[in-house]
Amino acid sequence: MNQPPDPFEFLKNLWGPMGLPLAGLMAPTLIPDEIERRIAELKSVENWLNMNLNVLRLTIQGLELQKASLAALQGAAGNTTPGASEPAGREDPSKK
C-alpha cells in the first residue's frame, strides 16, 4: 500500500535549494542544545547585519560630507568671478 505524499515535501523541495531551513521554521524542537545552537546562529547573523548597517551608515555620512564640501567649494568659487576688479588699494600698477 502506497503512503500518501507528504504535503510539506513539495515545499521542502522548493525552498531547500535556497538554503532556507523550512523544517526548522515549521517544527520547533524540544532539544535544549538545538535551541541554544539556533540562538547562537541567529545572534551571529544579527551581529553581522548590525556591522553592515554601521558600515552603510558611515558610507552615507562620508558621501554627505563630500557633497557638502563640494557645494562649499563651488559656492566659494562662485563668489569670485574671473575678471572682476580688484578691491580699492590693491590695483595692479601695470594696468595704469
PDB file of N, CA and C in Angstrom:
ATOM      1  N   MET A   1       0.837  -1.179   0.000  1.00  0.00           N
ATOM      2  CA  MET A   1       0.000   0.000   0.000  1.00  0.00           C
ATOM      3  C   MET A   1       0.884   1.246   0.000  1.00  0.00           C
ATOM      4  N   ASN A   2       0.659   2.168  -0.905  1.00  0.00           N
ATOM      5  CA  ASN A   2       1.440   3.409  -1.001  1.00  0.00           C
ATOM      6  C   ASN A   2       1.002   4.397   0.060  1.00  0.00           C
ATOM      7  N   GLN A   3       2.008   5.071   0.617  1.00  0.00           N
ATOM      8  CA  GLN A   3       1.697   6.111   1.591  1.00  0.00           C
ATOM      9  C   GLN A   3       1.300   7.370   0.844  1.00  0.00           C
ATOM     10  N   PRO A   4       0.388   8.158   1.406  1.00  0.00           N
ATOM     11  CA  PRO A   4       0.035   9.418   0.757  1.00  0.00           C
ATOM     12  C   PRO A   4       1.245  10.342   0.761  1.00  0.00           C
ATOM     13  N   PRO A   5       1.357  11.187  -0.264  1.00  0.00           N
ATOM     14  CA  PRO A   5       2.511  12.088  -0.319  1.00  0.00           C
ATOM     15  C   PRO A   5       2.476  13.093   0.838  1.00  0.00           C
ATOM     16  N   ASP A   6       3.662  13.384   1.317  1.00  0.00           N
ATOM     17  CA  ASP A   6       3.805  14.364   2.390  1.00  0.00           C
ATOM     18  C   ASP A   6       3.453  15.742   1.841  1.00  0.00           C
ATOM     19  N   PRO A   7       2.494  16.449   2.428  1.00  0.00           N
ATOM     20  CA  PRO A   7       2.111  17.764   1.879  1.00  0.00           C
ATOM     21  C   PRO A   7       3.236  18.798   1.956  1.00  0.00           C
ATOM     22  N   PHE A   8       4.169  18.620   2.877  1.00  0.00           N
ATOM     23  CA  PHE A   8       5.254  19.584   3.009  1.00  0.00           C
ATOM     24  C   PHE A   8       6.477  19.209   2.179  1.00  0.00           C
ATOM     25  N   GLU A   9       6.474  18.037   1.578  1.00  0.00           N
ATOM     26  CA  GLU A   9       7.617  17.610   0.779  1.00  0.00           C
ATOM     27  C   GLU A   9       7.842  18.559  -0.407  1.00  0.00           C
ATOM     28  N   PHE A  10       6.740  18.989  -1.034  1.00  0.00           N
ATOM     29  CA  PHE A  10       6.862  19.931  -2.150  1.00  0.00           C
ATOM     30  C   PHE A  10       7.515  21.233  -1.692  1.00  0.00           C
ATOM     31  N   LEU A  11       7.091  21.742  -0.538  1.00  0.00           N
ATOM     32  CA  LEU A  11       7.670  22.982  -0.027  1.00  0.00           C
ATOM     33  C   LEU A  11       9.133  22.802   0.342  1.00  0.00           C
ATOM     34  N   LYS A  12       9.474  21.647   0.928  1.00  0.00           N
ATOM     35  CA  LYS A  12      10.872  21.381   1.270  1.00  0.00           C
ATOM     36  C   LYS A  12      11.733  21.373   0.016  1.00  0.00           C
ATOM     37  N   ASN A  13      11.244  20.742  -1.031  1.00  0.00           N
ATOM     38  CA  ASN A  13      11.993  20.697  -2.290  1.00  0.00           C
ATOM     39  C   ASN A  13      12.076  22.071  -2.940  1.00  0.00           C
ATOM     40  N   LEU A  14      11.037  22.859  -2.788  1.00  0.00           N
ATOM     41  CA  LEU A  14      11.010  24.192  -3.383  1.00  0.00           C
ATOM     42  C   LEU A  14      11.985  25.122  -2.690  1.00  0.00           C
ATOM     43  N   TRP A  15      11.980  25.146  -1.364  1.00  0.00           N
ATOM     44  CA  TRP A  15      12.800  26.078  -0.609  1.00  0.00           C
ATOM     45  C   TRP A  15      14.157  25.521  -0.224  1.00  0.00           C
ATOM     46  N   GLY A  16      14.301  24.223  -0.231  1.00  0.00           N
ATOM     47  CA  GLY A  16      15.547  23.589   0.183  1.00  0.00           C
ATOM     48  C   GLY A  16      16.777  24.082  -0.557  1.00  0.00           C
ATOM     49  N   PRO A  17      16.760  24.160  -1.901  1.00  0.00           N
ATOM     50  CA  PRO A  17      17.951  24.631  -2.617  1.00  0.00           C
ATOM     51  C   PRO A  17      18.342  26.066  -2.296  1.00  0.00           C
ATOM     52  N   MET A  18      17.413  26.846  -1.814  1.00  0.00           N
ATOM     53  CA  MET A  18      17.711  28.245  -1.499  1.00  0.00           C
ATOM     54  C   MET A  18      18.342  28.400  -0.127  1.00  0.00           C
ATOM     55  N   GLY A  19      18.460  27.317   0.611  1.00  0.00           N
ATOM     56  CA  GLY A  19      19.117  27.373   1.904  1.00  0.00           C
ATOM     57  C   GLY A  19      18.223  27.783   3.055  1.00  0.00           C
ATOM     58  N   LEU A  20      16.931  27.828   2.826  1.00  0.00           N
ATOM     59  CA  LEU A  20      16.039  28.198   3.917  1.00  0.00           C
ATOM     60  C   LEU A  20      15.651  26.941   4.694  1.00  0.00           C
ATOM     61  N   PRO A  21      15.880  26.925   5.988  1.00  0.00           N
ATOM     62  CA  PRO A  21      15.556  25.738   6.774  1.00  0.00           C
ATOM     63  C   PRO A  21      14.065  25.674   7.083  1.00  0.00           C
ATOM     64  N   LEU A  22      13.289  25.253   6.085  1.00  0.00           N
ATOM     65  CA  LEU A  22      11.840  25.239   6.232  1.00  0.00           C
ATOM     66  C   LEU A  22      11.400  24.310   7.353  1.00  0.00           C
ATOM     67  N   ALA A  23      12.036  23.158   7.468  1.00  0.00           N
ATOM     68  CA  ALA A  23      11.645  22.217   8.516  1.00  0.00           C
ATOM     69  C   ALA A  23      11.848  22.831   9.900  1.00  0.00           C
ATOM     70  N   GLY A  24      12.930  23.569  10.080  1.00  0.00           N
ATOM     71  CA  GLY A  24      13.187  24.206  11.361  1.00  0.00           C
ATOM     72  C   GLY A  24      12.204  25.316  11.678  1.00  0.00           C
ATOM     73  N   LEU A  25      11.685  25.947  10.634  1.00  0.00           N
ATOM     74  CA  LEU A  25      10.722  27.020  10.853  1.00  0.00           C
ATOM     75  C   LEU A  25       9.348  26.473  11.213  1.00  0.00           C
ATOM     76  N   MET A  26       9.037  25.324  10.659  1.00  0.00           N
ATOM     77  CA  MET A  26       7.691  24.792  10.836  1.00  0.00           C
ATOM     78  C   MET A  26       7.567  23.901  12.064  1.00  0.00           C
ATOM     79  N   ALA A  27       8.632  23.207  12.426  1.00  0.00           N
ATOM     80  CA  ALA A  27       8.553  22.276  13.545  1.00  0.00           C
ATOM     81  C   ALA A  27       9.561  22.694  14.618  1.00  0.00           C
ATOM     82  N   PRO A  28       9.104  23.320  15.675  1.00  0.00           N
ATOM     83  CA  PRO A  28      10.040  23.715  16.728  1.00  0.00           C
ATOM     84  C   PRO A  28      10.617  22.478  17.413  1.00  0.00           C
ATOM     85  N   THR A  29      11.835  22.616  17.856  1.00  0.00           N
ATOM     86  CA  THR A  29      12.500  21.498  18.502  1.00  0.00           C
ATOM     87  C   THR A  29      12.328  21.574  20.017  1.00  0.00           C
ATOM     88  N   LEU A  30      12.443  20.436  20.645  1.00  0.00           N
ATOM     89  CA  LEU A  30      12.351  20.376  22.100  1.00  0.00           C
ATOM     90  C   LEU A  30      13.696  20.029  22.723  1.00  0.00           C
ATOM     91  N   ILE A  31      14.749  20.045  21.919  1.00  0.00           N
ATOM     92  CA  ILE A  31      16.086  19.723  22.402  1.00  0.00           C
ATOM     93  C   ILE A  31      16.775  21.032  22.796  1.00  0.00           C
ATOM     94  N   PRO A  32      17.109  21.180  24.075  1.00  0.00           N
ATOM     95  CA  PRO A  32      17.703  22.451  24.529  1.00  0.00           C
ATOM     96  C   PRO A  32      18.999  22.812  23.803  1.00  0.00           C
ATOM     97  N   ASP A  33      19.847  21.823  23.504  1.00  0.00           N
ATOM     98  CA  ASP A  33      21.102  22.127  22.810  1.00  0.00           C
ATOM     99  C   ASP A  33      20.846  22.669  21.409  1.00  0.00           C
ATOM    100  N   GLU A  34      19.841  22.140  20.733  1.00  0.00           N
ATOM    101  CA  GLU A  34      19.489  22.613  19.397  1.00  0.00           C
ATOM    102  C   GLU A  34      18.961  24.036  19.458  1.00  0.00           C
ATOM    103  N   ILE A  35      18.178  24.339  20.473  1.00  0.00           N
ATOM    104  CA  ILE A  35      17.656  25.699  20.647  1.00  0.00           C
ATOM    105  C   ILE A  35      18.799  26.672  20.902  1.00  0.00           C
ATOM    106  N   GLU A  36      19.744  26.292  21.760  1.00  0.00           N
ATOM    107  CA  GLU A  36      20.910  27.137  22.031  1.00  0.00           C
ATOM    108  C   GLU A  36      21.730  27.364  20.765  1.00  0.00           C
ATOM    109  N   ARG A  37      21.901  26.332  19.952  1.00  0.00           N
ATOM    110  CA  ARG A  37      22.649  26.454  18.703  1.00  0.00           C
ATOM    111  C   ARG A  37      21.962  27.429  17.761  1.00  0.00           C
ATOM    112  N   ARG A  38      20.643  27.323  17.662  1.00  0.00           N
ATOM    113  CA  ARG A  38      19.884  28.235  16.780  1.00  0.00           C
ATOM    114  C   ARG A  38      19.971  29.673  17.275  1.00  0.00           C
ATOM    115  N   ILE A  39      19.889  29.853  18.578  1.00  0.00           N
ATOM    116  CA  ILE A  39      20.007  31.200  19.152  1.00  0.00           C
ATOM    117  C   ILE A  39      21.376  31.781  18.836  1.00  0.00           C
ATOM    118  N   ALA A  40      22.421  30.960  19.008  1.00  0.00           N
ATOM    119  CA  ALA A  40      23.784  31.436  18.724  1.00  0.00           C
ATOM    120  C   ALA A  40      23.942  31.787  17.247  1.00  0.00           C
ATOM    121  N   GLU A  41      23.381  30.973  16.364  1.00  0.00           N
ATOM    122  CA  GLU A  41      23.459  31.266  14.927  1.00  0.00           C
ATOM    123  C   GLU A  41      22.741  32.562  14.593  1.00  0.00           C
ATOM    124  N   LEU A  42      21.559  32.741  15.155  1.00  0.00           N
ATOM    125  CA  LEU A  42      20.795  33.954  14.867  1.00  0.00           C
ATOM    126  C   LEU A  42      21.466  35.197  15.437  1.00  0.00           C
ATOM    127  N   LYS A  43      22.116  35.071  16.587  1.00  0.00           N
ATOM    128  CA  LYS A  43      22.856  36.207  17.143  1.00  0.00           C
ATOM    129  C   LYS A  43      24.053  36.555  16.265  1.00  0.00           C
ATOM    130  N   SER A  44      24.679  35.539  15.700  1.00  0.00           N
ATOM    131  CA  SER A  44      25.791  35.795  14.778  1.00  0.00           C
ATOM    132  C   SER A  44      25.305  36.547  13.549  1.00  0.00           C
ATOM    133  N   VAL A  45      24.167  36.137  13.026  1.00  0.00           N
ATOM    134  CA  VAL A  45      23.592  36.822  11.866  1.00  0.00           C
ATOM    135  C   VAL A  45      23.213  38.248  12.233  1.00  0.00           C
ATOM    136  N   GLU A  46      22.636  38.425  13.421  1.00  0.00           N
ATOM    137  CA  GLU A  46      22.269  39.771  13.879  1.00  0.00           C
ATOM    138  C   GLU A  46      23.495  40.670  13.980  1.00  0.00           C
ATOM    139  N   ASN A  47      24.580  40.150  14.546  1.00  0.00           N
ATOM    140  CA  ASN A  47      25.806  40.938  14.655  1.00  0.00           C
ATOM    141  C   ASN A  47      26.365  41.297  13.292  1.00  0.00           C
ATOM    142  N   TRP A  48      26.327  40.358  12.354  1.00  0.00           N
ATOM    143  CA  TRP A  48      26.813  40.614  11.009  1.00  0.00           C
ATOM    144  C   TRP A  48      25.973  41.703  10.341  1.00  0.00           C
ATOM    145  N   LEU A  49      24.658  41.613  10.501  1.00  0.00           N
ATOM    146  CA  LEU A  49      23.782  42.623   9.908  1.00  0.00           C
ATOM    147  C   LEU A  49      24.009  43.992  10.538  1.00  0.00           C
ATOM    148  N   ASN A  50      24.188  44.035  11.857  1.00  0.00           N
ATOM    149  CA  ASN A  50      24.465  45.314  12.531  1.00  0.00           C
ATOM    150  C   ASN A  50      25.778  45.919  12.052  1.00  0.00           C
ATOM    151  N   MET A  51      26.793  45.068  11.865  1.00  0.00           N
ATOM    152  CA  MET A  51      28.077  45.564  11.376  1.00  0.00           C
ATOM    153  C   MET A  51      27.909  46.164   9.972  1.00  0.00           C
ATOM    154  N   ASN A  52      27.179  45.480   9.116  1.00  0.00           N
ATOM    155  CA  ASN A  52      26.954  46.001   7.771  1.00  0.00           C
ATOM    156  C   ASN A  52      26.119  47.271   7.793  1.00  0.00           C
ATOM    157  N   LEU A  53      25.174  47.357   8.705  1.00  0.00           N
ATOM    158  CA  LEU A  53      24.372  48.570   8.839  1.00  0.00           C
ATOM    159  C   LEU A  53      25.247  49.747   9.259  1.00  0.00           C
ATOM    160  N   ASN A  54      26.173  49.506  10.184  1.00  0.00           N
ATOM    161  CA  ASN A  54      27.080  50.572  10.612  1.00  0.00           C
ATOM    162  C   ASN A  54      27.994  51.024   9.474  1.00  0.00           C
ATOM    163  N   VAL A  55      28.489  50.077   8.690  1.00  0.00           N
ATOM    164  CA  VAL A  55      29.326  50.430   7.534  1.00  0.00           C
ATOM    165  C   VAL A  55      28.508  51.239   6.535  1.00  0.00           C
ATOM    166  N   LEU A  56      27.268  50.848   6.317  1.00  0.00           N
ATOM    167  CA  LEU A  56      26.401  51.586   5.403  1.00  0.00           C
ATOM    168  C   LEU A  56      26.159  53.009   5.895  1.00  0.00           C
ATOM    169  N   ARG A  57      25.914  53.153   7.187  1.00  0.00           N
ATOM    170  CA  ARG A  57      25.692  54.489   7.754  1.00  0.00           C
ATOM    171  C   ARG A  57      26.938  55.367   7.607  1.00  0.00           C
ATOM    172  N   LEU A  58      28.114  54.793   7.870  1.00  0.00           N
ATOM    173  CA  LEU A  58      29.360  55.558   7.719  1.00  0.00           C
ATOM    174  C   LEU A  58      29.594  55.951   6.268  1.00  0.00           C
ATOM    175  N   THR A  59      29.260  55.071   5.342  1.00  0.00           N
ATOM    176  CA  THR A  59      29.412  55.390   3.921  1.00  0.00           C
ATOM    177  C   THR A  59      28.495  56.537   3.527  1.00  0.00           C
ATOM    178  N   ILE A  60      27.261  56.502   3.998  1.00  0.00           N
ATOM    179  CA  ILE A  60      26.304  57.579   3.703  1.00  0.00           C
ATOM    180  C   ILE A  60      26.796  58.893   4.293  1.00  0.00           C
ATOM    181  N   GLN A  61      27.282  58.864   5.534  1.00  0.00           N
ATOM    182  CA  GLN A  61      27.790  60.084   6.157  1.00  0.00           C
ATOM    183  C   GLN A  61      28.990  60.633   5.407  1.00  0.00           C
ATOM    184  N   GLY A  62      29.865  59.754   4.954  1.00  0.00           N
ATOM    185  CA  GLY A  62      31.026  60.189   4.186  1.00  0.00           C
ATOM    186  C   GLY A  62      30.628  60.850   2.875  1.00  0.00           C
ATOM    187  N   LEU A  63      29.644  60.265   2.196  1.00  0.00           N
ATOM    188  CA  LEU A  63      29.175  60.854   0.942  1.00  0.00           C
ATOM    189  C   LEU A  63      28.470  62.191   1.176  1.00  0.00           C
ATOM    190  N   GLU A  64      27.716  62.296   2.276  1.00  0.00           N
ATOM    191  CA  GLU A  64      27.063  63.570   2.590  1.00  0.00           C
ATOM    192  C   GLU A  64      28.094  64.644   2.899  1.00  0.00           C
ATOM    193  N   LEU A  65      29.168  64.271   3.593  1.00  0.00           N
ATOM    194  CA  LEU A  65      30.245  65.212   3.887  1.00  0.00           C
ATOM    195  C   LEU A  65      30.941  65.641   2.601  1.00  0.00           C
ATOM    196  N   GLN A  66      31.175  64.683   1.708  1.00  0.00           N
ATOM    197  CA  GLN A  66      31.792  65.007   0.422  1.00  0.00           C
ATOM    198  C   GLN A  66      30.902  65.944  -0.386  1.00  0.00           C
ATOM    199  N   LYS A  67      29.596  65.692  -0.372  1.00  0.00           N
ATOM    200  CA  LYS A  67      28.647  66.549  -1.093  1.00  0.00           C
ATOM    201  C   LYS A  67      28.658  67.966  -0.518  1.00  0.00           C
ATOM    202  N   ALA A  68      28.672  68.077   0.803  1.00  0.00           N
ATOM    203  CA  ALA A  68      28.693  69.399   1.439  1.00  0.00           C
ATOM    204  C   ALA A  68      29.997  70.132   1.134  1.00  0.00           C
ATOM    205  N   SER A  69      31.112  69.401   1.103  1.00  0.00           N
ATOM    206  CA  SER A  69      32.405  70.025   0.783  1.00  0.00           C
ATOM    207  C   SER A  69      32.422  70.540  -0.649  1.00  0.00           C
ATOM    208  N   LEU A  70      31.901  69.741  -1.561  1.00  0.00           N
ATOM    209  CA  LEU A  70      31.851  70.191  -2.958  1.00  0.00           C
ATOM    210  C   LEU A  70      30.947  71.405  -3.122  1.00  0.00           C
ATOM    211  N   ALA A  71      29.825  71.403  -2.429  1.00  0.00           N
ATOM    212  CA  ALA A  71      28.917  72.560  -2.505  1.00  0.00           C
ATOM    213  C   ALA A  71      29.593  73.808  -1.949  1.00  0.00           C
ATOM    214  N   ALA A  72      30.355  73.658  -0.862  1.00  0.00           N
ATOM    215  CA  ALA A  72      31.054  74.808  -0.279  1.00  0.00           C
ATOM    216  C   ALA A  72      32.133  75.325  -1.226  1.00  0.00           C
ATOM    217  N   LEU A  73      32.864  74.407  -1.862  1.00  0.00           N
ATOM    218  CA  LEU A  73      33.892  74.833  -2.813  1.00  0.00           C
ATOM    219  C   LEU A  73      33.278  75.521  -4.028  1.00  0.00           C
ATOM    220  N   GLN A  74      32.182  74.995  -4.507  1.00  0.00           N
ATOM    221  CA  GLN A  74      31.520  75.621  -5.655  1.00  0.00           C
ATOM    222  C   GLN A  74      30.949  76.982  -5.271  1.00  0.00           C
ATOM    223  N   GLY A  75      30.450  77.087  -4.057  1.00  0.00           N
ATOM    224  CA  GLY A  75      29.934  78.377  -3.588  1.00  0.00           C
ATOM    225  C   GLY A  75      31.041  79.402  -3.453  1.00  0.00           C
ATOM    226  N   ALA A  76      32.190  78.967  -2.952  1.00  0.00           N
ATOM    227  CA  ALA A  76      33.327  79.885  -2.815  1.00  0.00           C
ATOM    228  C   ALA A  76      33.852  80.283  -4.188  1.00  0.00           C
ATOM    229  N   ALA A  77      33.870  79.355  -5.120  1.00  0.00           N
ATOM    230  CA  ALA A  77      34.334  79.671  -6.479  1.00  0.00           C
ATOM    231  C   ALA A  77      33.348  80.583  -7.190  1.00  0.00           C
ATOM    232  N   GLY A  78      32.096  80.497  -6.852  1.00  0.00           N
ATOM    233  CA  GLY A  78      31.078  81.346  -7.470  1.00  0.00           C
ATOM    234  C   GLY A  78      31.131  82.773  -6.983  1.00  0.00           C
ATOM    235  N   ASN A  79      31.701  83.016  -5.810  1.00  0.00           N
ATOM    236  CA  ASN A  79      31.778  84.365  -5.243  1.00  0.00           C
ATOM    237  C   ASN A  79      32.853  85.193  -5.916  1.00  0.00           C
ATOM    238  N   THR A  80      33.916  84.605  -6.415  1.00  0.00           N
ATOM    239  CA  THR A  80      34.977  85.339  -7.103  1.00  0.00           C
ATOM    240  C   THR A  80      34.918  84.992  -8.579  1.00  0.00           C
ATOM    241  N   THR A  81      34.453  85.948  -9.353  1.00  0.00           N
ATOM    242  CA  THR A  81      34.332  85.711 -10.792  1.00  0.00           C
ATOM    243  C   THR A  81      35.599  86.192 -11.481  1.00  0.00           C
ATOM    244  N   PRO A  82      36.043  85.480 -12.523  1.00  0.00           N
ATOM    245  CA  PRO A  82      37.238  85.914 -13.242  1.00  0.00           C
ATOM    246  C   PRO A  82      37.029  87.277 -13.885  1.00  0.00           C
ATOM    247  N   GLY A  83      38.061  88.112 -13.847  1.00  0.00           N
ATOM    248  CA  GLY A  83      37.982  89.432 -14.474  1.00  0.00           C
ATOM    249  C   GLY A  83      37.344  90.489 -13.597  1.00  0.00           C
ATOM    250  N   ALA A  84      36.989  90.160 -12.392  1.00  0.00           N
ATOM    251  CA  ALA A  84      36.381  91.152 -11.509  1.00  0.00           C
ATOM    252  C   ALA A  84      37.454  92.143 -11.077  1.00  0.00           C
ATOM    253  N   SER A  85      37.038  93.367 -10.800  1.00  0.00           N
ATOM    254  CA  SER A  85      38.018  94.391 -10.420  1.00  0.00           C
ATOM    255  C   SER A  85      38.575  94.093  -9.043  1.00  0.00           C
ATOM    256  N   GLU A  86      39.813  94.500  -8.849  1.00  0.00           N
ATOM    257  CA  GLU A  86      40.479  94.300  -7.574  1.00  0.00           C
ATOM    258  C   GLU A  86      39.893  95.273  -6.560  1.00  0.00           C
ATOM    259  N   PRO A  87      39.930  94.938  -5.289  1.00  0.00           N
ATOM    260  CA  PRO A  87      39.455  95.864  -4.266  1.00  0.00           C
ATOM    261  C   PRO A  87      40.307  97.129  -4.250  1.00  0.00           C
ATOM    262  N   ALA A  88      39.739  98.215  -3.727  1.00  0.00           N
ATOM    263  CA  ALA A  88      40.432  99.505  -3.686  1.00  0.00           C
ATOM    264  C   ALA A  88      41.742  99.371  -2.928  1.00  0.00           C
ATOM    265  N   GLY A  89      42.801 100.015  -3.474  1.00  0.00           N
ATOM    266  CA  GLY A  89      44.096  99.964  -2.839  1.00  0.00           C
ATOM    267  C   GLY A  89      44.905  98.749  -3.247  1.00  0.00           C
ATOM    268  N   ARG A  90      44.325  97.850  -4.020  1.00  0.00           N
ATOM    269  CA  ARG A  90      45.012  96.642  -4.417  1.00  0.00           C
ATOM    270  C   ARG A  90      45.108  96.550  -5.949  1.00  0.00           C
ATOM    271  N   GLU A  91      44.971  97.647  -6.610  1.00  0.00           N
ATOM    272  CA  GLU A  91      45.015  97.637  -8.068  1.00  0.00           C
ATOM    273  C   GLU A  91      46.407  97.323  -8.564  1.00  0.00           C
ATOM    274  N   ASP A  92      46.492  96.652  -9.701  1.00  0.00           N
ATOM    275  CA  ASP A  92      47.764  96.292 -10.321  1.00  0.00           C
ATOM    276  C   ASP A  92      48.356  97.541 -10.953  1.00  0.00           C
ATOM    277  N   PRO A  93      49.551  97.966 -10.556  1.00  0.00           N
ATOM    278  CA  PRO A  93      50.122  99.205 -11.102  1.00  0.00           C
ATOM    279  C   PRO A  93      50.464  99.079 -12.592  1.00  0.00           C
ATOM    280  N   SER A  94      50.638  97.906 -13.116  1.00  0.00           N
ATOM    281  CA  SER A  94      50.971  97.768 -14.542  1.00  0.00           C
ATOM    282  C   SER A  94      49.784  98.062 -15.422  1.00  0.00           C
ATOM    283  N   LYS A  95      48.563  98.037 -14.885  1.00  0.00           N
ATOM    284  CA  LYS A  95      47.372  98.305 -15.676  1.00  0.00           C
ATOM    285  C   LYS A  95      47.116  99.799 -15.801  1.00  0.00           C
ATOM    286  N   LYS A  96      47.834 100.634 -15.108  1.00  0.00           N
ATOM    287  CA  LYS A  96      47.592 102.080 -15.151  1.00  0.00           C
ATOM    288  C   LYS A  96      48.287 102.717 -16.303  1.00  0.00           C
TER     289      LYS A  96
END
